[in-house]
Amino acid sequence: MFQTLAYYATVFHRDFVTYTTTRLQALGLNFGSLFPVIYVGKHPGCTQAELTADLHLDWGYSQRCITKLVEDGFLTREKSGRAYHLDLSAKGKQAFAVSHQVFFDWDDEALASLDAEERKQLFSLLTKAIQKEADTTCTKPFTAP
């Protein structure tokens, strides 16, 4: 077994993607739409440019993702001036609730072997590691749901 953060990050990422994909498929969503749905849910009326910049997405990917979410009835896109503003539809609000909750549910499963104090310590150390990374790379860290 490897003793590197990269190894553990990869294991956790794979498990999270599998878990989340299973939960989202029931709604007709894929893992790639998780963060755009959460972003619009937390920033109603945002523009696609804001979403793209804040999530550090490629413009082409963002365009395809938003178009699909609108076509599938998860988002609404209203033109206001020169920009389109995004909001969740009723179906999108349900998807937001599931997408948001999946983080907490996965944590409960993945960290079941840790007690409350150990979880607190783990998150404290991870926060410290991320802050150091954010300070050296000048990128703002993603805020979890």
N, C-alpha and C. Protein backbone atom coordinates (compact mmCIF):
# COMPACT_ATOMS: atom_id res chain seq x y z
N MET A 1 0.85 -1.18 0.00
CA MET A 1 0.00 0.00 0.00
C MET A 1 0.90 1.24 0.00
N PHE A 2 0.51 2.24 -0.78
CA PHE A 2 1.26 3.49 -0.87
C PHE A 2 0.94 4.40 0.30
N GLN A 3 1.92 5.13 0.76
CA GLN A 3 1.72 6.08 1.84
C GLN A 3 1.85 7.49 1.29
N THR A 4 0.99 7.83 0.32
CA THR A 4 0.99 9.18 -0.23
C THR A 4 -0.42 9.74 -0.20
N LEU A 5 -0.52 11.03 -0.09
CA LEU A 5 -1.82 11.68 -0.14
C LEU A 5 -2.47 11.43 -1.50
N ALA A 6 -1.67 11.45 -2.56
CA ALA A 6 -2.20 11.22 -3.91
C ALA A 6 -2.91 9.87 -4.01
N TYR A 7 -2.32 8.85 -3.42
CA TYR A 7 -2.94 7.53 -3.44
C TYR A 7 -4.31 7.56 -2.76
N TYR A 8 -4.35 8.10 -1.54
CA TYR A 8 -5.60 8.13 -0.80
C TYR A 8 -6.63 9.03 -1.47
N ALA A 9 -6.18 10.14 -2.02
CA ALA A 9 -7.10 11.04 -2.75
C ALA A 9 -7.73 10.31 -3.93
N THR A 10 -6.93 9.51 -4.63
CA THR A 10 -7.43 8.75 -5.78
C THR A 10 -8.44 7.70 -5.35
N VAL A 11 -8.15 7.00 -4.27
CA VAL A 11 -9.08 5.98 -3.77
C VAL A 11 -10.41 6.62 -3.37
N PHE A 12 -10.31 7.71 -2.60
CA PHE A 12 -11.54 8.39 -2.18
C PHE A 12 -12.29 8.97 -3.37
N HIS A 13 -11.58 9.54 -4.32
CA HIS A 13 -12.25 10.12 -5.50
C HIS A 13 -13.00 9.06 -6.28
N ARG A 14 -12.35 7.94 -6.53
CA ARG A 14 -13.01 6.85 -7.26
C ARG A 14 -14.27 6.38 -6.56
N ASP A 15 -14.17 6.22 -5.26
CA ASP A 15 -15.32 5.76 -4.47
C ASP A 15 -16.43 6.81 -4.49
N PHE A 16 -16.07 8.08 -4.35
CA PHE A 16 -17.07 9.16 -4.35
C PHE A 16 -17.77 9.25 -5.70
N VAL A 17 -17.02 9.14 -6.79
CA VAL A 17 -17.61 9.20 -8.13
C VAL A 17 -18.59 8.04 -8.32
N THR A 18 -18.20 6.85 -7.92
CA THR A 18 -19.07 5.68 -8.07
C THR A 18 -20.35 5.86 -7.25
N TYR A 19 -20.20 6.25 -6.00
CA TYR A 19 -21.35 6.45 -5.11
C TYR A 19 -22.28 7.53 -5.66
N THR A 20 -21.71 8.65 -6.04
CA THR A 20 -22.50 9.79 -6.52
C THR A 20 -23.18 9.48 -7.85
N THR A 21 -22.47 8.82 -8.74
CA THR A 21 -23.05 8.46 -10.04
C THR A 21 -24.29 7.59 -9.85
N THR A 22 -24.21 6.64 -8.94
CA THR A 22 -25.36 5.77 -8.67
C THR A 22 -26.55 6.58 -8.17
N ARG A 23 -26.30 7.52 -7.27
CA ARG A 23 -27.39 8.36 -6.72
C ARG A 23 -27.96 9.30 -7.79
N LEU A 24 -27.10 9.87 -8.63
CA LEU A 24 -27.57 10.84 -9.62
C LEU A 24 -28.28 10.18 -10.79
N GLN A 25 -27.88 8.97 -11.15
CA GLN A 25 -28.51 8.28 -12.28
C GLN A 25 -30.01 8.10 -12.07
N ALA A 26 -30.43 7.94 -10.83
CA ALA A 26 -31.85 7.79 -10.54
C ALA A 26 -32.63 9.05 -10.95
N LEU A 27 -31.93 10.20 -11.00
CA LEU A 27 -32.56 11.46 -11.40
C LEU A 27 -32.37 11.77 -12.88
N GLY A 28 -31.53 10.99 -13.55
CA GLY A 28 -31.22 11.27 -14.94
C GLY A 28 -30.04 12.20 -15.12
N LEU A 29 -29.20 12.31 -14.09
CA LEU A 29 -28.01 13.16 -14.14
C LEU A 29 -26.75 12.31 -14.16
N ASN A 30 -25.64 12.92 -14.58
CA ASN A 30 -24.35 12.24 -14.49
C ASN A 30 -23.45 13.01 -13.54
N PHE A 31 -22.30 12.45 -13.23
CA PHE A 31 -21.40 13.07 -12.26
C PHE A 31 -20.95 14.45 -12.72
N GLY A 32 -20.76 14.64 -14.02
CA GLY A 32 -20.32 15.92 -14.55
C GLY A 32 -21.28 17.07 -14.31
N SER A 33 -22.53 16.78 -14.07
CA SER A 33 -23.52 17.83 -13.83
C SER A 33 -23.69 18.16 -12.34
N LEU A 34 -22.99 17.41 -11.48
CA LEU A 34 -23.12 17.61 -10.04
C LEU A 34 -22.80 19.05 -9.62
N PHE A 35 -21.62 19.53 -9.96
CA PHE A 35 -21.20 20.84 -9.49
C PHE A 35 -21.94 21.99 -10.17
N PRO A 36 -22.25 21.92 -11.47
CA PRO A 36 -23.08 22.99 -12.04
C PRO A 36 -24.46 23.10 -11.38
N VAL A 37 -25.09 21.99 -11.07
CA VAL A 37 -26.40 22.02 -10.40
C VAL A 37 -26.26 22.64 -9.01
N ILE A 38 -25.24 22.22 -8.27
CA ILE A 38 -25.03 22.79 -6.95
C ILE A 38 -24.73 24.29 -7.04
N TYR A 39 -23.91 24.67 -8.00
CA TYR A 39 -23.55 26.08 -8.14
C TYR A 39 -24.78 26.94 -8.41
N VAL A 40 -25.61 26.52 -9.36
CA VAL A 40 -26.81 27.31 -9.68
C VAL A 40 -27.76 27.32 -8.49
N GLY A 41 -27.86 26.22 -7.77
CA GLY A 41 -28.70 26.18 -6.58
C GLY A 41 -28.25 27.15 -5.51
N LYS A 42 -26.95 27.36 -5.41
CA LYS A 42 -26.41 28.28 -4.42
C LYS A 42 -26.28 29.71 -4.94
N HIS A 43 -26.36 29.88 -6.26
CA HIS A 43 -26.23 31.20 -6.88
C HIS A 43 -27.35 31.42 -7.91
N PRO A 44 -28.61 31.44 -7.47
CA PRO A 44 -29.71 31.60 -8.43
C PRO A 44 -29.55 32.91 -9.21
N GLY A 45 -29.82 32.81 -10.51
CA GLY A 45 -29.72 33.99 -11.37
C GLY A 45 -28.31 34.25 -11.87
N CYS A 46 -27.38 33.35 -11.59
CA CYS A 46 -26.01 33.53 -12.06
C CYS A 46 -25.95 33.43 -13.58
N THR A 47 -24.86 33.91 -14.13
CA THR A 47 -24.66 33.77 -15.57
C THR A 47 -23.79 32.54 -15.81
N GLN A 48 -23.80 32.07 -17.05
CA GLN A 48 -22.96 30.93 -17.39
C GLN A 48 -21.49 31.30 -17.28
N ALA A 49 -21.15 32.54 -17.58
CA ALA A 49 -19.75 32.98 -17.46
C ALA A 49 -19.30 32.92 -16.00
N GLU A 50 -20.15 33.32 -15.07
CA GLU A 50 -19.81 33.25 -13.65
C GLU A 50 -19.60 31.80 -13.22
N LEU A 51 -20.52 30.93 -13.60
CA LEU A 51 -20.44 29.51 -13.27
C LEU A 51 -19.15 28.93 -13.84
N THR A 52 -18.86 29.21 -15.09
CA THR A 52 -17.68 28.67 -15.76
C THR A 52 -16.40 29.12 -15.06
N ALA A 53 -16.32 30.40 -14.74
CA ALA A 53 -15.12 30.93 -14.08
C ALA A 53 -14.97 30.38 -12.66
N ASP A 54 -16.04 30.40 -11.89
CA ASP A 54 -15.95 29.98 -10.49
C ASP A 54 -15.67 28.49 -10.33
N LEU A 55 -16.16 27.68 -11.27
CA LEU A 55 -15.91 26.24 -11.20
C LEU A 55 -14.66 25.83 -11.98
N HIS A 56 -13.99 26.81 -12.60
CA HIS A 56 -12.78 26.56 -13.39
C HIS A 56 -13.03 25.53 -14.49
N LEU A 57 -14.12 25.74 -15.24
CA LEU A 57 -14.48 24.83 -16.32
C LEU A 57 -14.00 25.37 -17.66
N ASP A 58 -13.81 24.47 -18.58
CA ASP A 58 -13.56 24.82 -19.97
C ASP A 58 -14.86 25.37 -20.54
N TRP A 59 -14.78 26.44 -21.34
CA TRP A 59 -15.99 27.08 -21.86
C TRP A 59 -16.84 26.12 -22.69
N GLY A 60 -16.21 25.31 -23.54
CA GLY A 60 -16.95 24.37 -24.38
C GLY A 60 -17.68 23.33 -23.55
N TYR A 61 -16.99 22.79 -22.55
CA TYR A 61 -17.63 21.82 -21.66
C TYR A 61 -18.80 22.46 -20.93
N SER A 62 -18.58 23.67 -20.42
CA SER A 62 -19.63 24.37 -19.70
C SER A 62 -20.85 24.58 -20.60
N GLN A 63 -20.62 24.98 -21.82
CA GLN A 63 -21.72 25.22 -22.77
C GLN A 63 -22.53 23.94 -23.00
N ARG A 64 -21.82 22.83 -23.26
CA ARG A 64 -22.51 21.56 -23.49
C ARG A 64 -23.28 21.10 -22.26
N CYS A 65 -22.67 21.24 -21.09
CA CYS A 65 -23.29 20.81 -19.84
C CYS A 65 -24.55 21.63 -19.55
N ILE A 66 -24.45 22.94 -19.66
CA ILE A 66 -25.60 23.82 -19.37
C ILE A 66 -26.71 23.57 -20.38
N THR A 67 -26.36 23.44 -21.65
CA THR A 67 -27.36 23.17 -22.69
C THR A 67 -28.11 21.88 -22.38
N LYS A 68 -27.38 20.83 -22.00
CA LYS A 68 -28.02 19.56 -21.67
C LYS A 68 -28.91 19.68 -20.44
N LEU A 69 -28.45 20.39 -19.41
CA LEU A 69 -29.26 20.56 -18.20
C LEU A 69 -30.53 21.36 -18.49
N VAL A 70 -30.46 22.32 -19.40
CA VAL A 70 -31.65 23.08 -19.81
C VAL A 70 -32.59 22.17 -20.60
N GLU A 71 -32.04 21.45 -21.59
CA GLU A 71 -32.85 20.55 -22.42
C GLU A 71 -33.53 19.46 -21.59
N ASP A 72 -32.84 18.97 -20.56
CA ASP A 72 -33.39 17.90 -19.71
C ASP A 72 -34.31 18.43 -18.61
N GLY A 73 -34.48 19.76 -18.55
CA GLY A 73 -35.43 20.34 -17.62
C GLY A 73 -34.94 20.59 -16.21
N PHE A 74 -33.62 20.57 -16.01
CA PHE A 74 -33.07 20.83 -14.67
C PHE A 74 -32.82 22.31 -14.43
N LEU A 75 -32.48 23.04 -15.50
CA LEU A 75 -32.19 24.47 -15.40
C LEU A 75 -33.09 25.25 -16.33
N THR A 76 -33.29 26.52 -15.99
CA THR A 76 -33.91 27.47 -16.91
C THR A 76 -32.86 28.50 -17.27
N ARG A 77 -32.95 29.02 -18.49
CA ARG A 77 -32.00 30.01 -18.97
C ARG A 77 -32.80 31.17 -19.55
N GLU A 78 -32.72 32.31 -18.89
CA GLU A 78 -33.47 33.50 -19.31
C GLU A 78 -32.50 34.58 -19.76
N LYS A 79 -32.79 35.18 -20.91
CA LYS A 79 -31.94 36.25 -21.40
C LYS A 79 -32.32 37.55 -20.70
N SER A 80 -31.31 38.24 -20.21
CA SER A 80 -31.51 39.53 -19.56
C SER A 80 -30.38 40.43 -20.02
N GLY A 81 -30.70 41.37 -20.88
CA GLY A 81 -29.65 42.20 -21.46
C GLY A 81 -28.82 41.35 -22.40
N ARG A 82 -27.52 41.36 -22.17
CA ARG A 82 -26.62 40.61 -23.04
C ARG A 82 -26.28 39.23 -22.50
N ALA A 83 -26.74 38.91 -21.31
CA ALA A 83 -26.37 37.64 -20.67
C ALA A 83 -27.60 36.78 -20.42
N TYR A 84 -27.34 35.49 -20.33
CA TYR A 84 -28.37 34.53 -19.92
C TYR A 84 -28.18 34.24 -18.44
N HIS A 85 -29.28 34.25 -17.70
CA HIS A 85 -29.23 33.96 -16.28
C HIS A 85 -29.83 32.57 -16.03
N LEU A 86 -29.18 31.83 -15.15
CA LEU A 86 -29.55 30.44 -14.89
C LEU A 86 -30.26 30.31 -13.55
N ASP A 87 -31.28 29.46 -13.54
CA ASP A 87 -32.00 29.12 -12.32
C ASP A 87 -32.36 27.65 -12.36
N LEU A 88 -32.68 27.12 -11.20
CA LEU A 88 -33.14 25.74 -11.11
C LEU A 88 -34.63 25.68 -11.42
N SER A 89 -35.04 24.67 -12.18
CA SER A 89 -36.46 24.39 -12.38
C SER A 89 -36.92 23.58 -11.17
N ALA A 90 -38.18 23.19 -11.15
CA ALA A 90 -38.67 22.33 -10.05
C ALA A 90 -37.89 21.02 -10.03
N LYS A 91 -37.66 20.45 -11.21
CA LYS A 91 -36.87 19.22 -11.32
C LYS A 91 -35.43 19.48 -10.86
N GLY A 92 -34.91 20.65 -11.18
CA GLY A 92 -33.57 21.03 -10.77
C GLY A 92 -33.44 21.20 -9.27
N LYS A 93 -34.50 21.69 -8.63
CA LYS A 93 -34.47 21.84 -7.17
C LYS A 93 -34.39 20.48 -6.49
N GLN A 94 -35.09 19.51 -7.03
CA GLN A 94 -35.01 18.15 -6.50
C GLN A 94 -33.58 17.60 -6.70
N ALA A 95 -33.02 17.84 -7.88
CA ALA A 95 -31.65 17.39 -8.17
C ALA A 95 -30.65 18.08 -7.26
N PHE A 96 -30.87 19.37 -6.98
CA PHE A 96 -29.99 20.12 -6.07
C PHE A 96 -30.01 19.49 -4.68
N ALA A 97 -31.19 19.17 -4.19
CA ALA A 97 -31.30 18.59 -2.85
C ALA A 97 -30.53 17.27 -2.77
N VAL A 98 -30.69 16.42 -3.78
CA VAL A 98 -29.98 15.13 -3.79
C VAL A 98 -28.47 15.37 -3.96
N SER A 99 -28.10 16.26 -4.87
CA SER A 99 -26.68 16.55 -5.14
C SER A 99 -25.99 17.10 -3.91
N HIS A 100 -26.67 17.94 -3.20
CA HIS A 100 -26.12 18.55 -1.99
C HIS A 100 -25.98 17.50 -0.89
N GLN A 101 -27.00 16.68 -0.72
CA GLN A 101 -27.01 15.68 0.35
C GLN A 101 -26.01 14.56 0.13
N VAL A 102 -25.68 14.27 -1.12
CA VAL A 102 -24.79 13.15 -1.43
C VAL A 102 -23.43 13.33 -0.76
N PHE A 103 -22.97 14.56 -0.58
CA PHE A 103 -21.69 14.80 0.08
C PHE A 103 -21.73 14.31 1.53
N PHE A 104 -22.79 14.64 2.23
CA PHE A 104 -22.92 14.27 3.64
C PHE A 104 -23.14 12.76 3.80
N ASP A 105 -23.94 12.18 2.91
CA ASP A 105 -24.21 10.75 2.97
C ASP A 105 -22.94 9.94 2.70
N TRP A 106 -22.16 10.37 1.70
CA TRP A 106 -20.92 9.66 1.37
C TRP A 106 -19.93 9.78 2.53
N ASP A 107 -19.83 10.98 3.11
CA ASP A 107 -18.94 11.16 4.27
C ASP A 107 -19.31 10.17 5.38
N ASP A 108 -20.60 10.04 5.66
CA ASP A 108 -21.03 9.12 6.71
C ASP A 108 -20.58 7.70 6.43
N GLU A 109 -20.65 7.27 5.16
CA GLU A 109 -20.21 5.92 4.80
C GLU A 109 -18.70 5.80 4.81
N ALA A 110 -18.03 6.75 4.17
CA ALA A 110 -16.57 6.66 4.01
C ALA A 110 -15.83 6.81 5.34
N LEU A 111 -16.40 7.57 6.25
CA LEU A 111 -15.72 7.84 7.52
C LEU A 111 -16.37 7.12 8.70
N ALA A 112 -17.11 6.08 8.41
CA ALA A 112 -17.84 5.36 9.46
C ALA A 112 -16.92 4.79 10.54
N SER A 113 -15.70 4.48 10.19
CA SER A 113 -14.78 3.89 11.18
C SER A 113 -14.12 4.93 12.09
N LEU A 114 -14.36 6.23 11.82
CA LEU A 114 -13.78 7.29 12.65
C LEU A 114 -14.82 7.81 13.64
N ASP A 115 -14.38 8.10 14.86
CA ASP A 115 -15.29 8.73 15.81
C ASP A 115 -15.32 10.24 15.55
N ALA A 116 -16.16 10.94 16.29
CA ALA A 116 -16.36 12.38 16.05
C ALA A 116 -15.06 13.18 16.20
N GLU A 117 -14.26 12.85 17.19
CA GLU A 117 -13.00 13.57 17.41
C GLU A 117 -12.01 13.31 16.28
N GLU A 118 -11.97 12.07 15.81
CA GLU A 118 -11.06 11.74 14.70
C GLU A 118 -11.49 12.45 13.41
N ARG A 119 -12.79 12.54 13.17
CA ARG A 119 -13.29 13.27 11.99
C ARG A 119 -12.91 14.75 12.09
N LYS A 120 -13.09 15.31 13.27
CA LYS A 120 -12.75 16.72 13.48
C LYS A 120 -11.27 16.95 13.20
N GLN A 121 -10.43 16.07 13.69
CA GLN A 121 -8.99 16.18 13.48
C GLN A 121 -8.64 16.02 12.00
N LEU A 122 -9.25 15.04 11.33
CA LEU A 122 -9.01 14.83 9.90
C LEU A 122 -9.36 16.08 9.10
N PHE A 123 -10.54 16.64 9.35
CA PHE A 123 -10.96 17.82 8.59
C PHE A 123 -10.09 19.03 8.92
N SER A 124 -9.64 19.13 10.14
CA SER A 124 -8.75 20.22 10.52
C SER A 124 -7.42 20.13 9.74
N LEU A 125 -6.86 18.94 9.67
CA LEU A 125 -5.61 18.75 8.94
C LEU A 125 -5.79 18.96 7.43
N LEU A 126 -6.88 18.46 6.89
CA LEU A 126 -7.13 18.66 5.46
C LEU A 126 -7.34 20.14 5.14
N THR A 127 -8.04 20.85 6.00
CA THR A 127 -8.24 22.29 5.81
C THR A 127 -6.90 23.02 5.81
N LYS A 128 -6.03 22.63 6.73
CA LYS A 128 -4.70 23.23 6.82
C LYS A 128 -3.91 22.94 5.54
N ALA A 129 -3.97 21.72 5.05
CA ALA A 129 -3.25 21.36 3.82
C ALA A 129 -3.78 22.12 2.62
N ILE A 130 -5.09 22.27 2.52
CA ILE A 130 -5.69 22.99 1.40
C ILE A 130 -5.33 24.48 1.48
N GLN A 131 -5.34 25.04 2.67
CA GLN A 131 -5.02 26.46 2.81
C GLN A 131 -3.60 26.74 2.36
N LYS A 132 -2.67 25.88 2.72
CA LYS A 132 -1.29 26.05 2.29
C LYS A 132 -1.22 26.01 0.78
N GLU A 133 -1.93 25.07 0.17
CA GLU A 133 -1.96 24.96 -1.29
C GLU A 133 -2.56 26.21 -1.92
N ALA A 134 -3.65 26.71 -1.35
CA ALA A 134 -4.31 27.90 -1.88
C ALA A 134 -3.40 29.11 -1.77
N ASP A 135 -2.64 29.21 -0.67
CA ASP A 135 -1.72 30.33 -0.48
C ASP A 135 -0.58 30.32 -1.50
N THR A 136 -0.11 29.14 -1.89
CA THR A 136 1.03 29.06 -2.80
C THR A 136 0.65 29.09 -4.26
N THR A 137 -0.60 28.74 -4.59
CA THR A 137 -1.00 28.72 -6.00
C THR A 137 -1.91 29.86 -6.40
N CYS A 138 -2.30 30.68 -5.44
CA CYS A 138 -3.16 31.83 -5.71
C CYS A 138 -4.51 31.43 -6.31
N THR A 139 -5.00 30.26 -5.98
CA THR A 139 -6.34 29.87 -6.42
C THR A 139 -7.23 29.82 -5.19
N LYS A 140 -8.48 30.16 -5.40
CA LYS A 140 -9.37 30.09 -4.25
C LYS A 140 -9.89 28.67 -4.11
N PRO A 141 -9.91 28.14 -2.90
CA PRO A 141 -10.37 26.76 -2.71
C PRO A 141 -11.87 26.65 -2.95
N PHE A 142 -12.28 25.50 -3.46
CA PHE A 142 -13.69 25.23 -3.68
C PHE A 142 -14.38 25.10 -2.34
N THR A 143 -15.53 25.73 -2.19
CA THR A 143 -16.29 25.59 -0.96
C THR A 143 -17.31 24.48 -1.15
N ALA A 144 -17.26 23.52 -0.27
CA ALA A 144 -18.15 22.37 -0.36
C ALA A 144 -19.58 22.78 -0.10
N PRO A 145 -20.50 21.94 -0.54
CA PRO A 145 -21.92 22.23 -0.36
C PRO A 145 -22.34 22.41 1.02
